[in-house]
C-alpha atoms as a PDB file:
ATOM      1  CA  MET A   1     138.073  96.076  92.087  1.00  0.00           C
ATOM      2  CA  ASP A   2     139.433  94.195  95.066  1.00  0.00           C
ATOM      3  CA  LYS A   3     138.384  91.094  96.944  1.00  0.00           C
ATOM      4  CA  ASN A   4     136.276  93.153  99.296  1.00  0.00           C
ATOM      5  CA  ASN A   5     134.184  94.356  96.356  1.00  0.00           C
ATOM      6  CA  PHE A   6     133.447  90.758  95.444  1.00  0.00           C
ATOM      7  CA  ARG A   7     132.222  90.187  99.002  1.00  0.00           C
ATOM      8  CA  ILE A   8     130.070  93.301  98.749  1.00  0.00           C
ATOM      9  CA  LEU A   9     128.539  92.103  95.475  1.00  0.00           C
ATOM     10  CA  LYS A  10     127.877  88.705  97.022  1.00  0.00           C
ATOM     11  CA  GLU A  11     126.114  90.274  99.996  1.00  0.00           C
ATOM     12  CA  TYR A  12     124.289  92.716  97.732  1.00  0.00           C
ATOM     13  CA  THR A  13     122.942  89.846  95.636  1.00  0.00           C
ATOM     14  CA  SER A  14     121.900  87.892  98.717  1.00  0.00           C
ATOM     15  CA  LEU A  15     120.000  90.886 100.076  1.00  0.00           C
ATOM     16  CA  LYS A  16     118.367  91.653  96.732  1.00  0.00           C
ATOM     17  CA  ASN A  17     117.196  88.041  96.441  1.00  0.00           C
ATOM     18  CA  SER A  18     115.801  87.938  99.983  1.00  0.00           C
ATOM     19  CA  ILE A  19     113.658  91.070  99.722  1.00  0.00           C
ATOM     20  CA  PRO A  20     111.144  89.682  97.148  1.00  0.00           C
ATOM     21  CA  GLU A  21     110.400  86.755  99.459  1.00  0.00           C
ATOM     22  CA  LEU A  22     109.605  89.175 102.262  1.00  0.00           C
ATOM     23  CA  GLU A  23     107.531  91.366  99.960  1.00  0.00           C
ATOM     24  CA  LYS A  24     105.655  88.286  98.766  1.00  0.00           C
ATOM     25  CA  ILE A  25     104.369  87.722 102.300  1.00  0.00           C
ATOM     26  CA  ILE A  26     102.867  91.201 102.316  1.00  0.00           C
ATOM     27  CA  ALA A  27     101.744  91.024  98.673  1.00  0.00           C
ATOM     28  CA  GLU A  28      99.548  88.003  99.402  1.00  0.00           C
ATOM     29  CA  GLU A  29      97.714  90.016 102.032  1.00  0.00           C
ATOM     30  CA  LEU A  30      97.596  93.134  99.873  1.00  0.00           C
ATOM     31  CA  ALA A  31      95.788  91.033  97.255  1.00  0.00           C
ATOM     32  CA  ARG A  32      92.694  91.452  99.432  1.00  0.00           C
ATOM     33  CA  ILE A  33      92.914  95.183  98.877  1.00  0.00           C
ATOM     34  CA  ASP A  34      93.536  94.715  95.150  1.00  0.00           C
ATOM     35  CA  LYS A  35      90.265  92.782  94.815  1.00  0.00           C
ATOM     36  CA  ILE A  36      88.354  95.559  96.545  1.00  0.00           C
ATOM     37  CA  GLU A  37      90.068  98.182  94.384  1.00  0.00           C
ATOM     38  CA  VAL A  38      88.982  96.325  91.243  1.00  0.00           C
ATOM     39  CA  GLN A  39      85.397  96.289  92.512  1.00  0.00           C
ATOM     40  CA  ARG A  40      85.626  99.983  93.404  1.00  0.00           C
ATOM     41  CA  GLU A  41      86.909 100.881  89.950  1.00  0.00           C
ATOM     42  CA  ARG A  42      84.160  98.890  88.236  1.00  0.00           C
ATOM     43  CA  ARG A  43      81.495 100.395  90.484  1.00  0.00           C
ATOM     44  CA  SER A  44      82.866 103.912  89.928  1.00  0.00           C
ATOM     45  CA  THR A  45      82.669 103.412  86.164  1.00  0.00           C
ATOM     46  CA  GLU A  46      79.098 102.131  86.464  1.00  0.00           C
ATOM     47  CA  LEU A  47      78.259 105.045  88.776  1.00  0.00           C
ATOM     48  CA  THR A  48      79.477 107.634  86.269  1.00  0.00           C
ATOM     49  CA  SER A  49      77.572 105.922  83.470  1.00  0.00           C
ATOM     50  CA  THR A  50      74.375 105.712  85.531  1.00  0.00           C
ATOM     51  CA  GLN A  51      74.623 109.364  86.583  1.00  0.00           C
ATOM     52  CA  SER A  52      74.812 110.351  82.912  1.00  0.00           C
ATOM     53  CA  LYS A  53      71.889 108.076  82.130  1.00  0.00           C
ATOM     54  CA  LEU A  54      69.880 109.611  85.003  1.00  0.00           C
ATOM     55  CA  GLU A  55      70.453 113.065  83.605  1.00  0.00           C
ATOM     56  CA  GLU A  56      69.242 111.936  80.170  1.00  0.00           C
ATOM     57  CA  LEU A  57      66.177 110.243  81.686  1.00  0.00           C
ATOM     58  CA  SER A  58      65.339 113.363  83.689  1.00  0.00           C
ATOM     59  CA  GLN A  59      65.537 115.511  80.571  1.00  0.00           C
ATOM     60  CA  GLU A  60      63.376 113.032  78.655  1.00  0.00           C
ATOM     61  CA  LEU A  61      60.831 112.997  81.491  1.00  0.00           C
ATOM     62  CA  ALA A  62      60.666 116.802  81.461  1.00  0.00           C
ATOM     63  CA  LYS A  63      59.935 116.732  77.712  1.00  0.00           C
ATOM     64  CA  THR A  64      57.291 114.018  78.229  1.00  0.00           C
ATOM     65  CA  GLU A  65      55.571 116.058  80.943  1.00  0.00           C
ATOM     66  CA  LYS A  66      55.413 119.010  78.550  1.00  0.00           C
ATOM     67  CA  GLU A  67      53.820 116.761  75.912  1.00  0.00           C
ATOM     68  CA  ILE A  68      51.286 115.487  78.468  1.00  0.00           C
ATOM     69  CA  PHE A  69      50.357 119.064  79.403  1.00  0.00           C
ATOM     70  CA  HIS A  70      50.204 120.084  75.735  1.00  0.00           C
ATOM     71  CA  TYR A  71      47.842 117.308  74.639  1.00  0.00           C
ATOM     72  CA  SER A  72      45.719 117.393  77.794  1.00  0.00           C
ATOM     73  CA  GLU A  73      45.092 121.101  77.157  1.00  0.00           C
ATOM     74  CA  ILE A  74      44.092 120.360  73.562  1.00  0.00           C
ATOM     75  CA  ALA A  75      41.741 117.612  74.795  1.00  0.00           C
ATOM     76  CA  LYS A  76      40.149 119.949  77.371  1.00  0.00           C
ATOM     77  CA  LYS A  77      39.603 122.710  74.833  1.00  0.00           C
ATOM     78  CA  ALA A  78      38.202 120.307  72.229  1.00  0.00           C
ATOM     79  CA  LYS A  79      35.803 118.760  74.755  1.00  0.00           C
ATOM     80  CA  ALA A  80      34.628 122.178  75.949  1.00  0.00           C
ATOM     81  CA  SER A  81      34.135 123.383  72.369  1.00  0.00           C
ATOM     82  CA  ILE A  82      31.944 120.436  71.294  1.00  0.00           C
ATOM     83  CA  SER A  83      28.926 121.860  73.177  1.00  0.00           C
ATOM     84  CA  LEU A  84      29.410 125.249  71.510  1.00  0.00           C
ATOM     85  CA  VAL A  85      29.150 124.133  67.867  1.00  0.00           C
ATOM     86  CA  PHE A  86      26.106 123.084  65.920  1.00  0.00           C
ATOM     87  CA  THR A  87      27.097 121.445  62.655  1.00  0.00           C
ATOM     88  CA  GLU A  88      27.849 117.745  62.432  1.00  0.00           C
ATOM     89  CA  ASP A  89      31.176 118.407  60.658  1.00  0.00           C
ATOM     90  CA  GLU A  90      32.310 120.718  63.466  1.00  0.00           C
ATOM     91  CA  ILE A  91      31.257 118.208  66.122  1.00  0.00           C
ATOM     92  CA  ASN A  92      33.009 115.353  64.302  1.00  0.00           C
ATOM     93  CA  GLY A  93      36.152 117.453  63.844  1.00  0.00           C
ATOM     94  CA  LEU A  94      36.313 118.418  67.505  1.00  0.00           C
ATOM     95  CA  THR A  95      35.538 114.852  68.569  1.00  0.00           C
ATOM     96  CA  LYS A  96      38.420 113.504  66.482  1.00  0.00           C
ATOM     97  CA  GLN A  97      40.684 116.220  67.863  1.00  0.00           C
ATOM     98  CA  TYR A  98      39.654 115.306  71.412  1.00  0.00           C
ATOM     99  CA  GLU A  99      40.158 111.570  70.838  1.00  0.00           C
ATOM    100  CA  HIS A 100      43.575 112.116  69.236  1.00  0.00           C
ATOM    101  CA  ALA A 101      44.723 114.448  72.033  1.00  0.00           C
ATOM    102  CA  SER A 102      43.404 112.054  74.696  1.00  0.00           C
ATOM    103  CA  GLY A 103      45.208 109.148  73.028  1.00  0.00           C
ATOM    104  CA  GLU A 104      48.463 111.111  72.888  1.00  0.00           C
ATOM    105  CA  THR A 105      48.014 112.137  76.516  1.00  0.00           C
ATOM    106  CA  ASP A 106      47.596 108.490  77.543  1.00  0.00           C
ATOM    107  CA  ARG A 107      50.613 107.456  75.451  1.00  0.00           C
ATOM    108  CA  PHE A 108      52.867 110.095  76.966  1.00  0.00           C
ATOM    109  CA  GLU A 109      51.576 109.354  80.481  1.00  0.00           C
ATOM    110  CA  GLU A 110      52.472 105.688  80.002  1.00  0.00           C
ATOM    111  CA  GLN A 111      55.894 106.729  78.689  1.00  0.00           C
ATOM    112  CA  GLY A 112      56.291 109.011  81.694  1.00  0.00           C
ATOM    113  CA  LEU A 113      55.522 106.178  84.123  1.00  0.00           C
ATOM    114  CA  GLU A 114      58.160 104.005  82.444  1.00  0.00           C
ATOM    115  CA  LEU A 115      60.680 106.841  82.719  1.00  0.00           C
ATOM    116  CA  ILE A 116      59.849 107.327  86.394  1.00  0.00           C
ATOM    117  CA  ASP A 117      60.508 103.621  87.015  1.00  0.00           C
ATOM    118  CA  GLN A 118      63.854 103.849  85.192  1.00  0.00           C
ATOM    119  CA  ILE A 119      64.774 106.990  87.133  1.00  0.00           C
ATOM    120  CA  SER A 120      63.931 105.270  90.428  1.00  0.00           C
ATOM    121  CA  GLU A 121      66.121 102.292  89.493  1.00  0.00           C
ATOM    122  CA  ALA A 122      68.986 104.606  88.485  1.00  0.00           C
ATOM    123  CA  GLU A 123      68.708 106.627  91.704  1.00  0.00           C
ATOM    124  CA  GLU A 124      68.687 103.445  93.782  1.00  0.00           C
ATOM    125  CA  PHE A 125      71.773 102.132  91.951  1.00  0.00           C
ATOM    126  CA  ILE A 126      73.594 105.447  92.440  1.00  0.00           C
ATOM    127  CA  GLN A 127      72.824 105.463  96.151  1.00  0.00           C
ATOM    128  CA  ASN A 128      73.995 101.850  96.564  1.00  0.00           C
ATOM    129  CA  ALA A 129      77.137 102.500  94.508  1.00  0.00           C
ATOM    130  CA  GLN A 130      78.034 105.596  96.526  1.00  0.00           C
ATOM    131  CA  THR A 131      77.471 103.676  99.749  1.00  0.00           C
ATOM    132  CA  PHE A 132      79.708 100.837  98.525  1.00  0.00           C
ATOM    133  CA  ILE A 133      82.486 103.184  97.383  1.00  0.00           C
ATOM    134  CA  LYS A 134      82.479 105.037 100.698  1.00  0.00           C
ATOM    135  CA  GLY A 135      82.233 101.867 102.778  1.00  0.00           C
ATOM    136  CA  SER A 136      84.906 100.024 100.786  1.00  0.00           C
ATOM    137  CA  GLN A 137      87.342 102.897 101.343  1.00  0.00           C
ATOM    138  CA  GLU A 138      86.897 102.428 105.080  1.00  0.00           C
ATOM    139  CA  THR A 139      87.370  98.683 104.635  1.00  0.00           C
ATOM    140  CA  ILE A 140      90.640  99.254 102.776  1.00  0.00           C
ATOM    141  CA  LYS A 141      91.911 101.476 105.584  1.00  0.00           C
ATOM    142  CA  GLU A 142      91.044  98.793 108.136  1.00  0.00           C
ATOM    143  CA  ILE A 143      92.817  96.083 106.113  1.00  0.00           C
ATOM    144  CA  GLU A 144      95.893  98.288 105.649  1.00  0.00           C
ATOM    145  CA  ALA A 145      96.043  98.942 109.379  1.00  0.00           C
ATOM    146  CA  GLU A 146      95.660  95.224 110.053  1.00  0.00           C
ATOM    147  CA  ILE A 147      98.429  94.346 107.566  1.00  0.00           C
ATOM    148  CA  ASN A 148     100.773  96.980 108.978  1.00  0.00           C
ATOM    149  CA  ALA A 149     100.186  95.755 112.525  1.00  0.00           C
ATOM    150  CA  SER A 150     100.563  92.043 111.790  1.00  0.00           C
ATOM    151  CA  ASN A 151     103.609  92.484 109.511  1.00  0.00           C
ATOM    152  CA  GLU A 152     105.527  95.095 111.462  1.00  0.00           C
ATOM    153  CA  ASP A 153     108.577  92.799 111.702  1.00  0.00           C
ATOM    154  CA  VAL A 154     108.525  92.107 107.953  1.00  0.00           C
ATOM    155  CA  PHE A 155     108.350  95.807 107.064  1.00  0.00           C
ATOM    156  CA  SER A 156     111.177  96.500 109.483  1.00  0.00           C
ATOM    157  CA  GLU A 157     113.345  93.749 107.992  1.00  0.00           C
ATOM    158  CA  ILE A 158     112.740  95.001 104.449  1.00  0.00           C
ATOM    159  CA  LYS A 159     113.679  98.515 105.527  1.00  0.00           C
ATOM    160  CA  ILE A 160     116.895  97.286 107.168  1.00  0.00           C
ATOM    161  CA  LYS A 161     117.898  95.252 104.116  1.00  0.00           C
ATOM    162  CA  LYS A 162     117.240  98.138 101.733  1.00  0.00           C
ATOM    163  CA  ARG A 163     119.293 100.453 103.909  1.00  0.00           C
ATOM    164  CA  ARG A 164     122.113  97.896 103.963  1.00  0.00           C
ATOM    165  CA  ILE A 165     121.993  97.748 100.150  1.00  0.00           C
ATOM    166  CA  GLU A 166     122.360 101.527 100.001  1.00  0.00           C
ATOM    167  CA  ILE A 167     125.432 101.325 102.256  1.00  0.00           C
ATOM    168  CA  LEU A 168     126.963  98.561 100.125  1.00  0.00           C
ATOM    169  CA  LEU A 169     126.444 100.529  96.915  1.00  0.00           C
ATOM    170  CA  GLU A 170     128.259 103.489  98.442  1.00  0.00           C
ATOM    171  CA  GLN A 171     131.318 101.248  98.867  1.00  0.00           C
ATOM    172  CA  LEU A 172     131.464 100.040  95.270  1.00  0.00           C
ATOM    173  CA  PRO A 173     133.217 101.744  92.320  1.00  0.00           C
ATOM    174  CA  GLU A 174     130.970 104.011  90.265  1.00  0.00           C
ATOM    175  CA  LYS A 175     131.218 101.877  87.119  1.00  0.00           C
ATOM    176  CA  VAL A 176     130.025  98.831  89.075  1.00  0.00           C
ATOM    177  CA  VAL A 177     127.096 100.757  90.561  1.00  0.00           C
ATOM    178  CA  ASN A 178     126.137 102.003  87.100  1.00  0.00           C
ATOM    179  CA  LYS A 179     126.256  98.469  85.726  1.00  0.00           C
ATOM    180  CA  LEU A 180     124.086  97.190  88.578  1.00  0.00           C
ATOM    181  CA  SER A 181     121.566  99.946  87.868  1.00  0.00           C
ATOM    182  CA  TYR A 182     121.496  99.007  84.174  1.00  0.00           C
ATOM    183  CA  LEU A 183     121.032  95.304  84.910  1.00  0.00           C
ATOM    184  CA  ASN A 184     118.333  95.897  87.531  1.00  0.00           C
ATOM    185  CA  ASN A 185     116.291  97.691  84.874  1.00  0.00           C
ATOM    186  CA  LYS A 186     116.011  94.392  82.985  1.00  0.00           C
ATOM    187  CA  GLY A 187     113.349  93.311  85.433  1.00  0.00           C
ATOM    188  CA  PRO A 188     112.625  92.683  89.121  1.00  0.00           C
ATOM    189  CA  LYS A 189     113.526  88.993  88.823  1.00  0.00           C
ATOM    190  CA  PHE A 190     116.791  89.526  86.958  1.00  0.00           C
ATOM    191  CA  ILE A 191     119.826  88.665  89.120  1.00  0.00           C
ATOM    192  CA  PRO A 192     122.615  91.106  88.175  1.00  0.00           C
ATOM    193  CA  VAL A 193     125.534  89.170  89.706  1.00  0.00           C
ATOM    194  CA  SER A 194     126.704  85.639  88.893  1.00  0.00           C
ATOM    195  CA  GLU A 195     129.454  83.464  90.358  1.00  0.00           C
ATOM    196  CA  ILE A 196     131.883  81.549  88.186  1.00  0.00           C
ATOM    197  CA  THR A 197     131.394  77.800  88.647  1.00  0.00           C
ATOM    198  CA  GLU A 198     134.039  75.129  89.117  1.00  0.00           C
ATOM    199  CA  LYS A 199     133.670  74.401  85.391  1.00  0.00           C
ATOM    200  CA  ASN A 200     134.532  78.027  84.626  1.00  0.00           C
ATOM    201  CA  THR A 201     131.041  78.898  83.433  1.00  0.00           C
ATOM    202  CA  CYS A 202     128.620  81.639  84.369  1.00  0.00           C
ATOM    203  CA  GLN A 203     126.404  80.162  87.052  1.00  0.00           C
ATOM    204  CA  SER A 204     123.327  82.002  85.771  1.00  0.00           C
ATOM    205  CA  CYS A 205     123.452  81.326  82.022  1.00  0.00           C
ATOM    206  CA  GLY A 206     126.061  78.558  81.653  1.00  0.00           C
ATOM    207  CA  ASN A 207     128.263  80.480  79.242  1.00  0.00           C
ATOM    208  CA  LEU A 208     131.946  79.456  79.336  1.00  0.00           C
ATOM    209  CA  VAL A 209     134.181  82.157  80.800  1.00  0.00           C
ATOM    210  CA  PRO A 210     137.367  82.593  78.696  1.00  0.00           C
ATOM    211  CA  MET A 211     140.566  81.759  80.574  1.00  0.00           C
ATOM    212  CA  ALA A 212     141.933  85.294  80.102  1.00  0.00           C
ATOM    213  CA  ILE A 213     138.857  86.799  81.775  1.00  0.00           C
ATOM    214  CA  LEU A 214     138.897  84.133  84.482  1.00  0.00           C
ATOM    215  CA  THR A 215     142.519  84.947  85.316  1.00  0.00           C
ATOM    216  CA  SER A 216     141.776  88.672  85.234  1.00  0.00           C
ATOM    217  CA  ILE A 217     138.954  88.218  87.728  1.00  0.00           C
ATOM    218  CA  GLU A 218     140.436  85.661  90.100  1.00  0.00           C
ATOM    219  CA  THR A 219     144.059  86.756  90.029  1.00  0.00           C
ATOM    220  CA  HIS A 220     143.907  90.486  89.390  1.00  0.00           C
ATOM    221  CA  GLN A 221     140.419  91.213  90.794  1.00  0.00           C
ATOM    222  CA  ARG A 222     139.377  93.023  87.621  1.00  0.00           C
ATOM    223  CA  PHE A 223     135.794  93.958  86.788  1.00  0.00           C
ATOM    224  CA  HIS A 224     134.203  91.815  84.037  1.00  0.00           C
ATOM    225  CA  THR A 225     130.737  90.856  82.879  1.00  0.00           C
ATOM    226  CA  CYS A 226     129.465  87.690  81.227  1.00  0.00           C
ATOM    227  CA  GLN A 227     129.737  87.935  77.444  1.00  0.00           C
ATOM    228  CA  ALA A 228     126.382  86.180  77.075  1.00  0.00           C
ATOM    229  CA  CYS A 229     124.055  87.534  79.787  1.00  0.00           C
ATOM    230  CA  GLU A 230     125.925  90.728  80.823  1.00  0.00           C
ATOM    231  CA  ARG A 231     125.850  89.830  84.509  1.00  0.00           C
ATOM    232  CA  ILE A 232     128.734  90.934  86.706  1.00  0.00           C
ATOM    233  CA  LEU A 233     131.025  87.965  87.237  1.00  0.00           C
ATOM    234  CA  ILE A 234     132.521  87.188  90.628  1.00  0.00           C
ATOM    235  CA  PRO A 235     134.722  84.251  91.704  1.00  0.00           C
ATOM    236  CA  GLN A 236     133.414  81.420  93.840  1.00  0.00           C
ATOM    237  CA  SER A 237     133.118  82.418  97.490  1.00  0.00           C
ATOM    238  CA  THR A 238     136.017  80.141  98.405  1.00  0.00           C
ATOM    239  CA  LYS A 239     138.380  82.183  96.205  1.00  0.00           C
ATOM    240  CA  TYR A 240     137.980  85.557  97.879  1.00  0.00           C
END
């Protein structure tokens, strides 16, 4: 390491810390899209469920219609046969058969009407859900275009800073770049570089930096990390 590498790390840290603030500006606007996406996901789930339910209702209605036809035919035949028999037992038997079949026909017709109402409700929900999903996709596109247009400068600045970071990394020793990569994986808010304070402590975690390491860094420009938090240690800006 040399003094220039300390300057690079300082600039790198400054750039890394400034990008989240810029991204926050955009993130607040993108939250509008996130809300719509949540609604779209919920509606899509409900749509799939309702489509399955509609299929089940349609199958049940088909079975009910068969039952209506079956019992109405029995009722017709029983009614027609009553005038063709002569004994009281035969008449009573056919009458009971007719009444039972008529009752079953009425029951299944009532069930069929209920199923038709449920099918109509399901079809209406599906149509509304599909309209919402299609319309909300257009809304998202409009919001994205609006965000891109109104934040063109912010996007440009983020792009410039990220490109500058790439250039800085190319100038650092491989072991330093590898360490930065490792530390960045600890989380987006983790700051991988820390200055040594006037009290010879790590500025980020407060751990005391041993005199031997302090001398190695400030006098010999050697590469060291904090023994407590693993951050890369650099001298105060006034010392390089």
